[in-house]
Amino acid sequence: MIVVKDYFTACEERFPEKRSELRRISLCLRRGGILTMEALCQMQRETPEKVTAIRDIGEKSSKFIAVICRQYEDSKQ
C-alpha cells in the first residue's frame, strides 16, 4: 500500500514546476482522510465529485489528481 504523501513527494521529480501544488494537494487529501493512493485512485475513478468535495480541492486540482492517479495505476501494471 502506497501512502499519498510518499507518492506525491516522488512525483515532485517528474513535475518540479508543480512542487508546491503537489504538496498542497497532498495535505488537503490527508486532511480529508485519503491516506493511500489506492483509496484516492478508486475515489477518482468511481466518484470524482467526492474528490472535489474535499476542502480546497477544486476542478484544477481534481484534473491534476486524475493525471497522478493514471500514472500510478499505469506503473502498477
N, C-alpha and C. Protein backbone atom coordinates (compact mmCIF):
# COMPACT_ATOMS: atom_id res chain seq x y z
N MET A 1 0.84 -1.18 0.00
CA MET A 1 0.00 0.00 0.00
C MET A 1 0.89 1.25 0.00
N ILE A 2 0.66 2.12 -0.95
CA ILE A 2 1.46 3.33 -1.09
C ILE A 2 0.72 4.51 -0.44
N VAL A 3 1.43 5.25 0.38
CA VAL A 3 0.86 6.39 1.09
C VAL A 3 0.85 7.61 0.16
N VAL A 4 -0.23 8.38 0.19
CA VAL A 4 -0.39 9.56 -0.66
C VAL A 4 0.81 10.50 -0.53
N LYS A 5 1.20 10.80 0.69
CA LYS A 5 2.30 11.74 0.92
C LYS A 5 3.57 11.26 0.22
N ASP A 6 3.90 9.99 0.35
CA ASP A 6 5.11 9.45 -0.26
C ASP A 6 5.05 9.49 -1.78
N TYR A 7 3.91 9.13 -2.34
CA TYR A 7 3.79 9.11 -3.80
C TYR A 7 3.83 10.53 -4.37
N PHE A 8 3.15 11.45 -3.73
CA PHE A 8 3.15 12.83 -4.22
C PHE A 8 4.54 13.44 -4.09
N THR A 9 5.29 13.07 -3.04
CA THR A 9 6.66 13.54 -2.89
C THR A 9 7.52 13.00 -4.04
N ALA A 10 7.33 11.75 -4.40
CA ALA A 10 8.06 11.15 -5.51
C ALA A 10 7.70 11.84 -6.84
N CYS A 11 6.48 12.30 -6.97
CA CYS A 11 6.03 12.98 -8.19
C CYS A 11 6.69 14.34 -8.37
N GLU A 12 7.25 14.89 -7.31
CA GLU A 12 7.91 16.18 -7.42
C GLU A 12 9.08 16.14 -8.40
N GLU A 13 9.70 14.97 -8.56
CA GLU A 13 10.79 14.83 -9.52
C GLU A 13 10.27 14.90 -10.95
N ARG A 14 9.09 14.34 -11.18
CA ARG A 14 8.50 14.35 -12.52
C ARG A 14 7.85 15.68 -12.87
N PHE A 15 7.37 16.37 -11.86
CA PHE A 15 6.68 17.66 -12.06
C PHE A 15 7.31 18.73 -11.17
N PRO A 16 8.58 19.08 -11.41
CA PRO A 16 9.23 20.05 -10.50
C PRO A 16 8.53 21.41 -10.46
N GLU A 17 7.89 21.80 -11.55
CA GLU A 17 7.20 23.08 -11.59
C GLU A 17 5.90 23.05 -10.79
N LYS A 18 5.45 21.86 -10.43
CA LYS A 18 4.20 21.70 -9.67
C LYS A 18 4.46 21.31 -8.22
N ARG A 19 5.67 21.49 -7.77
CA ARG A 19 6.06 21.04 -6.42
C ARG A 19 5.14 21.57 -5.33
N SER A 20 4.90 22.88 -5.31
CA SER A 20 4.06 23.45 -4.25
C SER A 20 2.62 22.97 -4.37
N GLU A 21 2.14 22.80 -5.60
CA GLU A 21 0.78 22.31 -5.80
C GLU A 21 0.65 20.86 -5.32
N LEU A 22 1.66 20.05 -5.63
CA LEU A 22 1.65 18.66 -5.16
C LEU A 22 1.60 18.59 -3.64
N ARG A 23 2.39 19.41 -2.99
CA ARG A 23 2.41 19.40 -1.52
C ARG A 23 1.08 19.87 -0.94
N ARG A 24 0.50 20.90 -1.55
CA ARG A 24 -0.78 21.42 -1.07
C ARG A 24 -1.88 20.38 -1.25
N ILE A 25 -1.93 19.76 -2.42
CA ILE A 25 -2.96 18.75 -2.69
C ILE A 25 -2.79 17.56 -1.75
N SER A 26 -1.56 17.13 -1.56
CA SER A 26 -1.30 16.01 -0.66
C SER A 26 -1.81 16.31 0.75
N LEU A 27 -1.55 17.50 1.23
CA LEU A 27 -2.01 17.89 2.57
C LEU A 27 -3.54 17.92 2.63
N CYS A 28 -4.17 18.48 1.60
CA CYS A 28 -5.64 18.54 1.56
C CYS A 28 -6.24 17.13 1.58
N LEU A 29 -5.65 16.24 0.80
CA LEU A 29 -6.16 14.86 0.74
C LEU A 29 -6.03 14.18 2.10
N ARG A 30 -4.87 14.34 2.72
CA ARG A 30 -4.68 13.71 4.04
C ARG A 30 -5.63 14.29 5.08
N ARG A 31 -5.86 15.60 5.03
CA ARG A 31 -6.83 16.21 5.95
C ARG A 31 -8.23 15.68 5.68
N GLY A 32 -8.50 15.35 4.41
CA GLY A 32 -9.80 14.82 4.03
C GLY A 32 -9.95 13.33 4.29
N GLY A 33 -8.91 12.71 4.86
CA GLY A 33 -8.98 11.30 5.23
C GLY A 33 -8.52 10.33 4.15
N ILE A 34 -7.97 10.85 3.06
CA ILE A 34 -7.46 9.99 1.99
C ILE A 34 -5.98 9.76 2.25
N LEU A 35 -5.64 8.56 2.70
CA LEU A 35 -4.27 8.28 3.11
C LEU A 35 -3.49 7.44 2.12
N THR A 36 -4.17 6.63 1.32
CA THR A 36 -3.46 5.74 0.40
C THR A 36 -3.78 6.08 -1.05
N MET A 37 -2.85 5.78 -1.91
CA MET A 37 -3.06 6.01 -3.34
C MET A 37 -4.18 5.11 -3.87
N GLU A 38 -4.30 3.93 -3.33
CA GLU A 38 -5.37 3.02 -3.76
C GLU A 38 -6.73 3.65 -3.50
N ALA A 39 -6.90 4.21 -2.31
CA ALA A 39 -8.18 4.86 -1.96
C ALA A 39 -8.43 6.08 -2.84
N LEU A 40 -7.39 6.86 -3.07
CA LEU A 40 -7.53 8.05 -3.91
C LEU A 40 -7.91 7.69 -5.34
N CYS A 41 -7.21 6.72 -5.91
CA CYS A 41 -7.47 6.34 -7.30
C CYS A 41 -8.86 5.73 -7.45
N GLN A 42 -9.27 4.94 -6.47
CA GLN A 42 -10.61 4.35 -6.52
C GLN A 42 -11.66 5.46 -6.46
N MET A 43 -11.47 6.42 -5.57
CA MET A 43 -12.43 7.52 -5.46
C MET A 43 -12.44 8.35 -6.74
N GLN A 44 -11.28 8.62 -7.29
CA GLN A 44 -11.19 9.41 -8.52
C GLN A 44 -11.89 8.70 -9.67
N ARG A 45 -11.76 7.41 -9.72
CA ARG A 45 -12.36 6.60 -10.78
C ARG A 45 -13.87 6.48 -10.62
N GLU A 46 -14.34 6.18 -9.42
CA GLU A 46 -15.75 5.86 -9.19
C GLU A 46 -16.62 7.07 -8.86
N THR A 47 -16.11 7.98 -8.06
CA THR A 47 -16.90 9.15 -7.64
C THR A 47 -16.02 10.39 -7.61
N PRO A 48 -15.66 10.91 -8.78
CA PRO A 48 -14.76 12.07 -8.81
C PRO A 48 -15.33 13.31 -8.11
N GLU A 49 -16.65 13.36 -8.00
CA GLU A 49 -17.24 14.51 -7.30
C GLU A 49 -16.89 14.52 -5.81
N LYS A 50 -16.60 13.35 -5.25
CA LYS A 50 -16.18 13.29 -3.84
C LYS A 50 -14.78 13.88 -3.67
N VAL A 51 -13.96 13.76 -4.71
CA VAL A 51 -12.62 14.35 -4.64
C VAL A 51 -12.74 15.87 -4.58
N THR A 52 -13.57 16.44 -5.44
CA THR A 52 -13.73 17.90 -5.44
C THR A 52 -14.49 18.39 -4.21
N ALA A 53 -15.15 17.49 -3.50
CA ALA A 53 -15.85 17.88 -2.28
C ALA A 53 -14.89 18.05 -1.10
N ILE A 54 -13.66 17.55 -1.25
CA ILE A 54 -12.66 17.72 -0.19
C ILE A 54 -12.25 19.18 -0.14
N ARG A 55 -12.15 19.70 1.06
CA ARG A 55 -11.82 21.11 1.25
C ARG A 55 -10.56 21.51 0.47
N ASP A 56 -10.65 22.61 -0.24
CA ASP A 56 -9.57 23.21 -1.02
C ASP A 56 -9.13 22.39 -2.24
N ILE A 57 -9.95 21.43 -2.66
CA ILE A 57 -9.68 20.71 -3.91
C ILE A 57 -10.74 21.16 -4.91
N GLY A 58 -10.30 21.87 -5.93
CA GLY A 58 -11.23 22.34 -6.96
C GLY A 58 -11.07 21.54 -8.24
N GLU A 59 -11.65 22.04 -9.31
CA GLU A 59 -11.60 21.36 -10.60
C GLU A 59 -10.16 21.22 -11.12
N LYS A 60 -9.38 22.28 -11.00
CA LYS A 60 -8.00 22.25 -11.49
C LYS A 60 -7.19 21.19 -10.74
N SER A 61 -7.32 21.16 -9.43
CA SER A 61 -6.61 20.16 -8.63
C SER A 61 -7.13 18.76 -8.93
N SER A 62 -8.42 18.64 -9.15
CA SER A 62 -9.01 17.34 -9.46
C SER A 62 -8.46 16.78 -10.77
N LYS A 63 -8.29 17.64 -11.75
CA LYS A 63 -7.72 17.20 -13.04
C LYS A 63 -6.28 16.75 -12.86
N PHE A 64 -5.53 17.45 -12.04
CA PHE A 64 -4.14 17.07 -11.77
C PHE A 64 -4.09 15.75 -11.00
N ILE A 65 -4.99 15.57 -10.06
CA ILE A 65 -5.08 14.31 -9.32
C ILE A 65 -5.37 13.17 -10.28
N ALA A 66 -6.24 13.39 -11.26
CA ALA A 66 -6.55 12.35 -12.25
C ALA A 66 -5.30 11.95 -13.02
N VAL A 67 -4.45 12.91 -13.36
CA VAL A 67 -3.19 12.61 -14.06
C VAL A 67 -2.29 11.77 -13.16
N ILE A 68 -2.17 12.17 -11.91
CA ILE A 68 -1.33 11.45 -10.95
C ILE A 68 -1.85 10.02 -10.78
N CYS A 69 -3.16 9.86 -10.65
CA CYS A 69 -3.75 8.52 -10.48
C CYS A 69 -3.52 7.65 -11.71
N ARG A 70 -3.64 8.23 -12.90
CA ARG A 70 -3.38 7.47 -14.12
C ARG A 70 -1.95 6.95 -14.14
N GLN A 71 -1.01 7.82 -13.79
CA GLN A 71 0.39 7.41 -13.75
C GLN A 71 0.61 6.32 -12.71
N TYR A 72 -0.01 6.48 -11.56
CA TYR A 72 0.13 5.48 -10.50
C TYR A 72 -0.41 4.12 -10.97
N GLU A 73 -1.59 4.13 -11.54
CA GLU A 73 -2.20 2.87 -11.97
C GLU A 73 -1.43 2.25 -13.14
N ASP A 74 -0.91 3.07 -14.05
CA ASP A 74 -0.09 2.55 -15.15
C ASP A 74 1.19 1.92 -14.65
N SER A 75 1.77 2.49 -13.60
CA SER A 75 3.02 1.95 -13.05
C SER A 75 2.82 0.61 -12.35
N LYS A 76 1.60 0.35 -11.93
CA LYS A 76 1.29 -0.91 -11.24
C LYS A 76 1.07 -2.07 -12.20
N GLN A 77 0.84 -1.76 -13.48
CA GLN A 77 0.53 -2.83 -14.44
C GLN A 77 1.77 -3.40 -15.07
